[in-house]
Structures are given as structure tokens and as C-alpha cells.
Amino acid sequence: MRMSKKKVVLFAVMLLLLIDLVWGIIYLKSVADYKQEVKETTFEEINISDISDGVYIGEYDVDFIYAKVEVAVQNGEITNINILGHRHERGKTAEVITDSIVDEQKTDVDAISGATNSSTVIKKRLRTL
């Protein structure tokens, strides 16, 4: 039994559409999971004056967003924060949050508008010194 070219092409197109549909569902589920993880991120406030002098490196990953930071602490103050790695969606602007943290000497600073999830990931990493 031989299939016509039209049937083969139709079958191939339908198969590709099915694969795209499945991939799309998996992708949307991944996005929903990452957003839920960011939403459920909890913070424990740290007392910076209790942190020993030194340079600390930490990272936090919620799949779509990842941050790796280097934090320098001296005499009970955060003296510098370097972002060593930051995978983000549209959250590049969140990287300036480190300036607020150093200026205010606390990790509980306002998120950067339009980059809330990246701000959360960066702040989470800092709060676990």
C-alpha cells in the first residue's frame, strides 16, 4: 500500500505541529514553574555587622534567571558587590540594585522596576552570606 505525496506531506506537517504543540506546553509549564519559584523565594534578613571580614561568593538559580555575586565585607559593612554571572530574561537593569544595597547597607531594598524577578534572585543570593 503506497501513500501519495500529498498524504506524506500532510502527515509530516501534522507531526511537526504536534511536536511544536508539545514543546510549547512544556515551555509554558517551565515558565510557570520558574515564576512560582521566584514568587515563593523567602529571605532571611542578615545583620551585616555580624559577618566576618572577607569576600563571599554565592549563586542562586531559578532556571530562567541565575545570579552569581561576589560580596566584600569589611568592618561590618558591605564595601563592594560584583556580579560574576547573571542569566536573565529582560532583567539586565536589575544589576544596579547592588548600588542600593551598598549605599543603604541592607539587602531589603526596593526591586528595580521592570526587572523584579532578577532583583529578587540577586537579593536572595546576597541574603545568604
C-alpha atoms as a PDB file:
ATOM      1  CA  MET A   1       0.000   0.000   0.000  1.00  0.00           C
ATOM      2  CA  ARG A   2       1.546   3.212  -1.192  1.00  0.00           C
ATOM      3  CA  MET A   3       0.827   6.666   0.215  1.00  0.00           C
ATOM      4  CA  SER A   4       0.544   9.618  -2.083  1.00  0.00           C
ATOM      5  CA  LYS A   5       2.925  12.554  -1.790  1.00  0.00           C
ATOM      6  CA  LYS A   6       0.096  14.738  -0.518  1.00  0.00           C
ATOM      7  CA  LYS A   7      -0.610  12.339   2.335  1.00  0.00           C
ATOM      8  CA  VAL A   8       3.073  12.112   3.260  1.00  0.00           C
ATOM      9  CA  VAL A   9       3.409  15.908   3.294  1.00  0.00           C
ATOM     10  CA  LEU A  10       0.175  16.271   5.280  1.00  0.00           C
ATOM     11  CA  PHE A  11       1.366  13.664   7.785  1.00  0.00           C
ATOM     12  CA  ALA A  12       4.752  15.424   8.153  1.00  0.00           C
ATOM     13  CA  VAL A  13       3.102  18.814   8.686  1.00  0.00           C
ATOM     14  CA  MET A  14       0.717  17.384  11.274  1.00  0.00           C
ATOM     15  CA  LEU A  15       3.605  15.666  13.063  1.00  0.00           C
ATOM     16  CA  LEU A  16       5.583  18.927  13.174  1.00  0.00           C
ATOM     17  CA  LEU A  17       2.557  20.797  14.511  1.00  0.00           C
ATOM     18  CA  LEU A  18       2.098  18.169  17.208  1.00  0.00           C
ATOM     19  CA  ILE A  19       5.771  18.402  18.188  1.00  0.00           C
ATOM     20  CA  ASP A  20       5.506  22.222  18.331  1.00  0.00           C
ATOM     21  CA  LEU A  21       2.392  21.983  20.481  1.00  0.00           C
ATOM     22  CA  VAL A  22       4.046  19.599  22.952  1.00  0.00           C
ATOM     23  CA  TRP A  23       7.192  21.738  23.080  1.00  0.00           C
ATOM     24  CA  GLY A  24       5.075  24.847  23.661  1.00  0.00           C
ATOM     25  CA  ILE A  25       3.218  23.227  26.541  1.00  0.00           C
ATOM     26  CA  ILE A  26       6.491  22.099  28.145  1.00  0.00           C
ATOM     27  CA  TYR A  27       7.968  25.585  27.742  1.00  0.00           C
ATOM     28  CA  LEU A  28       4.923  27.304  29.256  1.00  0.00           C
ATOM     29  CA  LYS A  29       4.990  24.869  32.184  1.00  0.00           C
ATOM     30  CA  SER A  30       8.687  25.671  32.745  1.00  0.00           C
ATOM     31  CA  VAL A  31       7.955  29.409  32.745  1.00  0.00           C
ATOM     32  CA  ALA A  32       5.091  28.939  35.207  1.00  0.00           C
ATOM     33  CA  ASP A  33       7.317  26.831  37.490  1.00  0.00           C
ATOM     34  CA  TYR A  34      10.126  29.411  37.444  1.00  0.00           C
ATOM     35  CA  LYS A  35       7.735  32.277  38.187  1.00  0.00           C
ATOM     36  CA  GLN A  36       6.249  30.299  41.071  1.00  0.00           C
ATOM     37  CA  GLU A  37       9.726  29.592  42.471  1.00  0.00           C
ATOM     38  CA  VAL A  38      10.624  33.291  42.350  1.00  0.00           C
ATOM     39  CA  LYS A  39       7.305  34.162  43.981  1.00  0.00           C
ATOM     40  CA  GLU A  40       7.937  31.658  46.785  1.00  0.00           C
ATOM     41  CA  THR A  41      11.511  32.826  47.381  1.00  0.00           C
ATOM     42  CA  THR A  42      11.920  33.681  51.027  1.00  0.00           C
ATOM     43  CA  PHE A  43      14.527  35.871  52.626  1.00  0.00           C
ATOM     44  CA  GLU A  44      16.198  35.822  55.975  1.00  0.00           C
ATOM     45  CA  GLU A  45      17.499  39.253  56.856  1.00  0.00           C
ATOM     46  CA  ILE A  46      21.135  39.253  57.814  1.00  0.00           C
ATOM     47  CA  ASN A  47      22.906  41.555  60.201  1.00  0.00           C
ATOM     48  CA  ILE A  48      25.875  42.692  58.153  1.00  0.00           C
ATOM     49  CA  SER A  49      27.785  43.726  61.269  1.00  0.00           C
ATOM     50  CA  ASP A  50      27.817  40.030  62.303  1.00  0.00           C
ATOM     51  CA  ILE A  51      29.575  38.967  59.080  1.00  0.00           C
ATOM     52  CA  SER A  52      33.325  38.423  59.316  1.00  0.00           C
ATOM     53  CA  ASP A  53      35.553  40.471  57.038  1.00  0.00           C
ATOM     54  CA  GLY A  54      36.167  38.763  53.732  1.00  0.00           C
ATOM     55  CA  VAL A  55      34.952  38.156  50.213  1.00  0.00           C
ATOM     56  CA  TYR A  56      31.974  35.866  49.788  1.00  0.00           C
ATOM     57  CA  ILE A  57      30.717  34.244  46.601  1.00  0.00           C
ATOM     58  CA  GLY A  58      27.242  32.879  46.218  1.00  0.00           C
ATOM     59  CA  GLU A  59      24.813  31.892  43.492  1.00  0.00           C
ATOM     60  CA  TYR A  60      21.090  31.330  43.095  1.00  0.00           C
ATOM     61  CA  ASP A  61      19.370  29.670  40.153  1.00  0.00           C
ATOM     62  CA  VAL A  62      15.673  29.520  39.259  1.00  0.00           C
ATOM     63  CA  ASP A  63      16.206  28.145  35.738  1.00  0.00           C
ATOM     64  CA  PHE A  64      15.393  31.208  33.637  1.00  0.00           C
ATOM     65  CA  ILE A  65      17.255  33.567  35.973  1.00  0.00           C
ATOM     66  CA  TYR A  66      20.611  32.937  37.631  1.00  0.00           C
ATOM     67  CA  ALA A  67      22.888  35.195  39.617  1.00  0.00           C
ATOM     68  CA  LYS A  68      26.390  34.713  40.961  1.00  0.00           C
ATOM     69  CA  VAL A  69      27.752  37.510  43.106  1.00  0.00           C
ATOM     70  CA  GLU A  70      30.914  38.370  44.959  1.00  0.00           C
ATOM     71  CA  VAL A  71      30.403  40.428  48.108  1.00  0.00           C
ATOM     72  CA  ALA A  72      33.198  42.149  50.009  1.00  0.00           C
ATOM     73  CA  VAL A  73      32.599  42.827  53.698  1.00  0.00           C
ATOM     74  CA  GLN A  74      34.920  44.912  55.824  1.00  0.00           C
ATOM     75  CA  ASN A  75      34.394  46.277  59.345  1.00  0.00           C
ATOM     76  CA  GLY A  76      30.758  45.184  59.383  1.00  0.00           C
ATOM     77  CA  GLU A  77      29.866  46.883  56.095  1.00  0.00           C
ATOM     78  CA  ILE A  78      29.380  45.752  52.536  1.00  0.00           C
ATOM     79  CA  THR A  79      32.122  47.552  50.660  1.00  0.00           C
ATOM     80  CA  ASN A  80      31.607  46.137  47.178  1.00  0.00           C
ATOM     81  CA  ILE A  81      29.390  43.796  45.190  1.00  0.00           C
ATOM     82  CA  ASN A  82      30.456  42.329  41.852  1.00  0.00           C
ATOM     83  CA  ILE A  83      28.056  40.387  39.703  1.00  0.00           C
ATOM     84  CA  LEU A  84      30.078  37.467  38.381  1.00  0.00           C
ATOM     85  CA  GLY A  85      27.245  35.976  36.372  1.00  0.00           C
ATOM     86  CA  HIS A  86      23.673  36.931  35.591  1.00  0.00           C
ATOM     87  CA  ARG A  87      21.422  34.995  33.239  1.00  0.00           C
ATOM     88  CA  HIS A  88      18.183  36.891  32.861  1.00  0.00           C
ATOM     89  CA  GLU A  89      15.186  37.478  30.677  1.00  0.00           C
ATOM     90  CA  ARG A  90      14.855  41.237  30.485  1.00  0.00           C
ATOM     91  CA  GLY A  91      16.458  41.760  33.887  1.00  0.00           C
ATOM     92  CA  LYS A  92      19.810  43.296  32.969  1.00  0.00           C
ATOM     93  CA  THR A  93      18.661  46.544  34.579  1.00  0.00           C
ATOM     94  CA  ALA A  94      18.366  44.750  37.944  1.00  0.00           C
ATOM     95  CA  GLU A  95      22.133  44.725  38.253  1.00  0.00           C
ATOM     96  CA  VAL A  96      22.098  48.300  39.594  1.00  0.00           C
ATOM     97  CA  ILE A  97      20.350  47.004  42.709  1.00  0.00           C
ATOM     98  CA  THR A  98      23.805  46.252  44.089  1.00  0.00           C
ATOM     99  CA  ASP A  99      24.478  50.007  44.296  1.00  0.00           C
ATOM    100  CA  SER A 100      21.409  50.473  46.508  1.00  0.00           C
ATOM    101  CA  ILE A 101      22.468  47.589  48.729  1.00  0.00           C
ATOM    102  CA  VAL A 102      25.940  49.054  49.240  1.00  0.00           C
ATOM    103  CA  ASP A 103      24.561  52.587  49.759  1.00  0.00           C
ATOM    104  CA  GLU A 104      21.873  51.518  52.233  1.00  0.00           C
ATOM    105  CA  GLN A 105      23.910  48.698  53.851  1.00  0.00           C
ATOM    106  CA  LYS A 106      20.952  46.348  53.760  1.00  0.00           C
ATOM    107  CA  THR A 107      19.599  43.746  51.395  1.00  0.00           C
ATOM    108  CA  ASP A 108      15.972  44.758  51.871  1.00  0.00           C
ATOM    109  CA  VAL A 109      15.931  47.376  49.124  1.00  0.00           C
ATOM    110  CA  ASP A 110      13.278  48.040  46.509  1.00  0.00           C
ATOM    111  CA  ALA A 111      13.321  45.888  43.397  1.00  0.00           C
ATOM    112  CA  ILE A 112      14.195  47.509  40.098  1.00  0.00           C
ATOM    113  CA  SER A 113      11.016  48.243  38.153  1.00  0.00           C
ATOM    114  CA  GLY A 114      10.699  46.003  35.109  1.00  0.00           C
ATOM    115  CA  ALA A 115      13.289  43.575  36.499  1.00  0.00           C
ATOM    116  CA  THR A 116      11.595  42.355  39.658  1.00  0.00           C
ATOM    117  CA  ASN A 117      12.463  38.680  39.233  1.00  0.00           C
ATOM    118  CA  SER A 118      16.138  39.381  38.565  1.00  0.00           C
ATOM    119  CA  SER A 119      16.169  41.768  41.538  1.00  0.00           C
ATOM    120  CA  THR A 120      14.753  39.002  43.729  1.00  0.00           C
ATOM    121  CA  VAL A 121      17.348  36.484  42.563  1.00  0.00           C
ATOM    122  CA  ILE A 122      20.234  38.907  43.149  1.00  0.00           C
ATOM    123  CA  LYS A 123      18.928  39.919  46.597  1.00  0.00           C
ATOM    124  CA  LYS A 124      18.385  36.263  47.550  1.00  0.00           C
ATOM    125  CA  ARG A 125      21.987  35.484  46.846  1.00  0.00           C
ATOM    126  CA  LEU A 126      23.149  38.396  48.993  1.00  0.00           C
ATOM    127  CA  ARG A 127      20.965  37.460  51.915  1.00  0.00           C
ATOM    128  CA  THR A 128      22.670  34.139  52.400  1.00  0.00           C
ATOM    129  CA  LEU A 129      26.151  35.406  53.225  1.00  0.00           C
END
